[in-house]
Amino acid sequence: MVDPEVERRLVHASGASVPLAWAYGLIPWTWVQAVFVAGALSALGFEALRLSGVVDLWVFEKLTREYERDNLAGYALYMLSMAGASLLFVPRVAAAAMLMLALADPVSGLLGSGELRAVKNASVLLVMFAICALIAVSFVASPAAVVLGALAATLADGVKPVVRGYVIDDNLTIPLAAGAAMTAGLFLMAA
């Protein structure tokens, strides 16, 4: 039997397939946007049903965490941020930011499993930064964009702010923060 934490991470990583399909020229960017917008709308619909008590599926019990039971679950935030990144940023920046969430975050999560900390250990943060930088350099040539994007994703992953008792989930913040930071880095280098 597979550990539920590993199962969550594998589901997380499956989201890489869509931006990677674009990166390899298999699908146009509009398809990436359509997949994630449809996914976000579907997730919000499922969450409305789950939170209202109308639907109670085993998959919700298996793949959601305790703190998500009465709030939007991480998968919905994941789909929202992927859709947002696909619409807000140029494709190469969006794809890099999306892959940081889909691939780097699960590794960081496994390395930091069992920790209930406001800030992750330095070694986990370094691994997250390195993976994000490797992803970014594959999509953007600007050193400033690479460093800023990796730094933003690492901070979004490694620091867990709590607002009014609600943990700001990195599934929502990683692609948006990384995309904004890479965009800023590209503008800095162009100026």
Protein backbone atom coordinates (compact mmCIF):
# COMPACT_ATOMS: atom_id res chain seq x y z
CA MET A 1 0.00 0.00 0.00
CA VAL A 2 1.29 3.45 -0.96
CA ASP A 3 1.66 6.08 1.74
CA PRO A 4 -1.11 8.73 1.36
CA GLU A 5 1.53 11.47 1.39
CA VAL A 6 3.29 9.86 -1.58
CA GLU A 7 -0.07 9.46 -3.37
CA ARG A 8 -0.78 13.18 -2.88
CA ARG A 9 2.64 14.04 -4.30
CA LEU A 10 2.12 11.80 -7.35
CA VAL A 11 -1.22 13.47 -8.07
CA HIS A 12 0.56 16.81 -7.69
CA ALA A 13 3.25 15.84 -10.19
CA SER A 14 0.68 14.68 -12.74
CA GLY A 15 -0.14 18.35 -13.38
CA ALA A 16 3.25 18.68 -15.09
CA SER A 17 1.99 16.70 -18.08
CA VAL A 18 0.04 19.62 -19.57
CA PRO A 19 2.75 22.34 -19.56
CA LEU A 20 5.30 19.72 -20.62
CA ALA A 21 3.09 18.75 -23.56
CA TRP A 22 3.18 22.41 -24.61
CA ALA A 23 6.95 22.64 -24.07
CA TYR A 24 7.49 19.65 -26.37
CA GLY A 25 5.24 21.18 -29.03
CA LEU A 26 2.47 18.60 -28.65
CA ILE A 27 -0.32 21.07 -27.88
CA PRO A 28 -0.89 24.82 -28.34
CA TRP A 29 -0.87 27.18 -25.36
CA THR A 30 -4.61 27.76 -25.71
CA TRP A 31 -5.13 24.09 -24.85
CA VAL A 32 -3.05 24.50 -21.69
CA GLN A 33 -5.24 27.44 -20.71
CA ALA A 34 -8.44 25.54 -21.54
CA VAL A 35 -7.40 22.47 -19.53
CA PHE A 36 -6.58 24.47 -16.41
CA VAL A 37 -9.54 26.85 -16.63
CA ALA A 38 -11.88 23.86 -17.05
CA GLY A 39 -10.07 22.11 -14.20
CA ALA A 40 -10.40 25.15 -11.94
CA LEU A 41 -14.12 25.50 -12.67
CA SER A 42 -14.66 21.78 -12.09
CA ALA A 43 -12.67 21.87 -8.85
CA LEU A 44 -14.69 24.82 -7.57
CA GLY A 45 -17.88 22.93 -8.40
CA PHE A 46 -16.67 19.81 -6.59
CA GLU A 47 -15.58 21.90 -3.63
CA ALA A 48 -18.99 23.59 -3.42
CA LEU A 49 -20.59 20.15 -3.33
CA ARG A 50 -18.04 18.77 -0.84
CA LEU A 51 -18.16 21.73 1.54
CA SER A 52 -21.95 21.83 1.49
CA GLY A 53 -22.06 18.13 2.38
CA VAL A 54 -23.93 17.16 -0.79
CA VAL A 55 -21.05 14.95 -1.99
CA ASP A 56 -18.71 12.88 0.16
CA LEU A 57 -16.38 10.85 -2.03
CA TRP A 58 -13.59 8.58 -0.79
CA VAL A 59 -11.08 10.50 -2.88
CA PHE A 60 -11.73 13.63 -0.79
CA GLU A 61 -10.99 11.72 2.40
CA LYS A 62 -7.87 10.16 0.92
CA LEU A 63 -6.27 13.17 -0.72
CA THR A 64 -7.26 16.11 1.49
CA ARG A 65 -5.57 17.08 4.71
CA GLU A 66 -7.26 17.69 8.02
CA TYR A 67 -7.02 21.49 7.78
CA GLU A 68 -8.70 21.33 4.35
CA ARG A 69 -11.84 19.60 5.63
CA ASP A 70 -13.74 22.87 6.13
CA ASN A 71 -11.88 25.04 3.59
CA LEU A 72 -11.05 24.93 -0.09
CA ALA A 73 -8.84 21.89 -0.58
CA GLY A 74 -5.35 22.10 -2.00
CA TYR A 75 -6.31 20.53 -5.32
CA ALA A 76 -8.77 23.37 -6.01
CA LEU A 77 -6.16 25.99 -5.11
CA TYR A 78 -3.70 24.13 -7.36
CA MET A 79 -6.09 24.29 -10.32
CA LEU A 80 -6.91 27.95 -9.66
CA SER A 81 -3.26 28.96 -9.55
CA MET A 82 -2.39 26.91 -12.64
CA ALA A 83 -5.28 28.53 -14.53
CA GLY A 84 -4.25 31.97 -13.25
CA ALA A 85 -0.64 31.48 -14.30
CA SER A 86 -1.69 30.22 -17.74
CA LEU A 87 -3.78 33.37 -18.28
CA LEU A 88 -1.58 36.00 -16.62
CA PHE A 89 1.91 35.24 -17.88
CA VAL A 90 3.57 34.63 -21.23
CA PRO A 91 3.71 30.88 -21.97
CA ARG A 92 7.40 30.30 -21.17
CA VAL A 93 7.08 32.05 -17.81
CA ALA A 94 3.75 30.40 -17.00
CA ALA A 95 5.04 26.93 -17.92
CA ALA A 96 8.10 27.34 -15.69
CA ALA A 97 5.96 28.60 -12.79
CA MET A 98 3.49 25.75 -13.25
CA LEU A 99 6.27 23.16 -13.27
CA MET A 100 7.68 24.62 -10.06
CA LEU A 101 4.37 23.78 -8.40
CA ALA A 102 3.90 20.43 -10.12
CA LEU A 103 7.44 19.09 -9.71
CA ALA A 104 9.48 21.05 -7.17
CA ASP A 105 6.77 21.38 -4.53
CA PRO A 106 6.16 17.61 -4.20
CA VAL A 107 9.89 17.00 -3.66
CA SER A 108 10.02 19.74 -1.06
CA GLY A 109 6.89 18.34 0.55
CA LEU A 110 8.33 14.84 0.84
CA LEU A 111 11.58 16.17 2.28
CA GLY A 112 9.66 18.21 4.84
CA SER A 113 6.97 15.59 5.59
CA GLY A 114 5.92 15.38 9.18
CA GLU A 115 7.01 18.93 9.90
CA LEU A 116 4.41 21.36 11.16
CA ARG A 117 6.54 24.47 10.97
CA ALA A 118 5.90 28.06 9.94
CA VAL A 119 9.18 27.96 7.96
CA LYS A 120 10.75 24.84 6.43
CA ASN A 121 14.29 23.72 7.24
CA ALA A 122 17.11 25.41 5.32
CA SER A 123 18.11 22.17 3.58
CA VAL A 124 14.58 21.73 2.20
CA LEU A 125 14.54 25.36 1.06
CA LEU A 126 17.86 24.89 -0.74
CA VAL A 127 16.56 21.82 -2.59
CA MET A 128 13.39 23.67 -3.55
CA PHE A 129 15.42 26.64 -4.84
CA ALA A 130 17.75 24.40 -6.85
CA ILE A 131 14.91 22.49 -8.53
CA CYS A 132 13.04 25.71 -9.30
CA ALA A 133 16.17 27.32 -10.75
CA LEU A 134 16.74 24.27 -12.98
CA ILE A 135 13.15 24.48 -14.18
CA ALA A 136 13.33 28.23 -14.77
CA VAL A 137 16.61 28.13 -16.70
CA SER A 138 14.96 25.68 -19.12
CA PHE A 139 12.37 28.33 -20.05
CA VAL A 140 13.87 31.77 -19.46
CA ALA A 141 17.40 32.85 -20.41
CA SER A 142 17.55 35.81 -18.04
CA PRO A 143 19.62 35.08 -14.90
CA ALA A 144 17.56 37.67 -13.02
CA ALA A 145 14.30 35.92 -13.99
CA VAL A 146 15.72 32.52 -13.02
CA VAL A 147 16.92 33.66 -9.60
CA LEU A 148 13.86 35.79 -8.81
CA GLY A 149 11.43 33.07 -9.94
CA ALA A 150 13.19 30.35 -7.96
CA LEU A 151 13.43 32.59 -4.91
CA ALA A 152 9.73 33.53 -5.07
CA ALA A 153 8.67 29.89 -5.44
CA THR A 154 10.94 28.87 -2.57
CA LEU A 155 9.54 31.55 -0.28
CA ALA A 156 5.96 30.66 -1.26
CA ASP A 157 6.71 27.01 -0.50
CA GLY A 158 8.81 27.47 2.60
CA VAL A 159 6.88 30.09 4.55
CA LYS A 160 3.34 29.29 5.66
CA PRO A 161 1.52 32.48 6.65
CA VAL A 162 -1.74 32.15 8.53
CA VAL A 163 -4.47 34.73 7.94
CA ARG A 164 -7.44 34.62 10.32
CA GLY A 165 -6.69 30.99 11.14
CA TYR A 166 -6.43 29.95 7.48
CA VAL A 167 -3.11 28.64 6.19
CA ILE A 168 -2.20 30.33 2.90
CA ASP A 169 -1.56 27.23 0.81
CA ASP A 170 1.49 27.13 -1.45
CA ASN A 171 -0.63 25.44 -4.12
CA LEU A 172 -2.13 28.88 -4.65
CA THR A 173 0.99 30.99 -4.23
CA ILE A 174 3.88 29.16 -5.92
CA PRO A 175 2.98 29.64 -9.61
CA LEU A 176 1.61 33.14 -9.14
CA ALA A 177 4.58 34.38 -7.10
CA ALA A 178 7.13 32.67 -9.34
CA GLY A 179 5.45 33.92 -12.53
CA ALA A 180 5.31 37.49 -11.26
CA ALA A 181 8.94 37.36 -10.12
CA MET A 182 10.18 35.90 -13.43
CA THR A 183 8.21 38.53 -15.33
CA ALA A 184 9.85 41.25 -13.21
CA GLY A 185 13.26 39.68 -13.85
CA LEU A 186 12.67 39.71 -17.60
CA PHE A 187 11.69 43.39 -17.46
CA LEU A 188 14.75 44.24 -15.37
CA MET A 189 17.06 42.64 -17.92
CA ALA A 190 15.25 44.29 -20.84
CA ALA A 191 15.48 47.77 -19.30
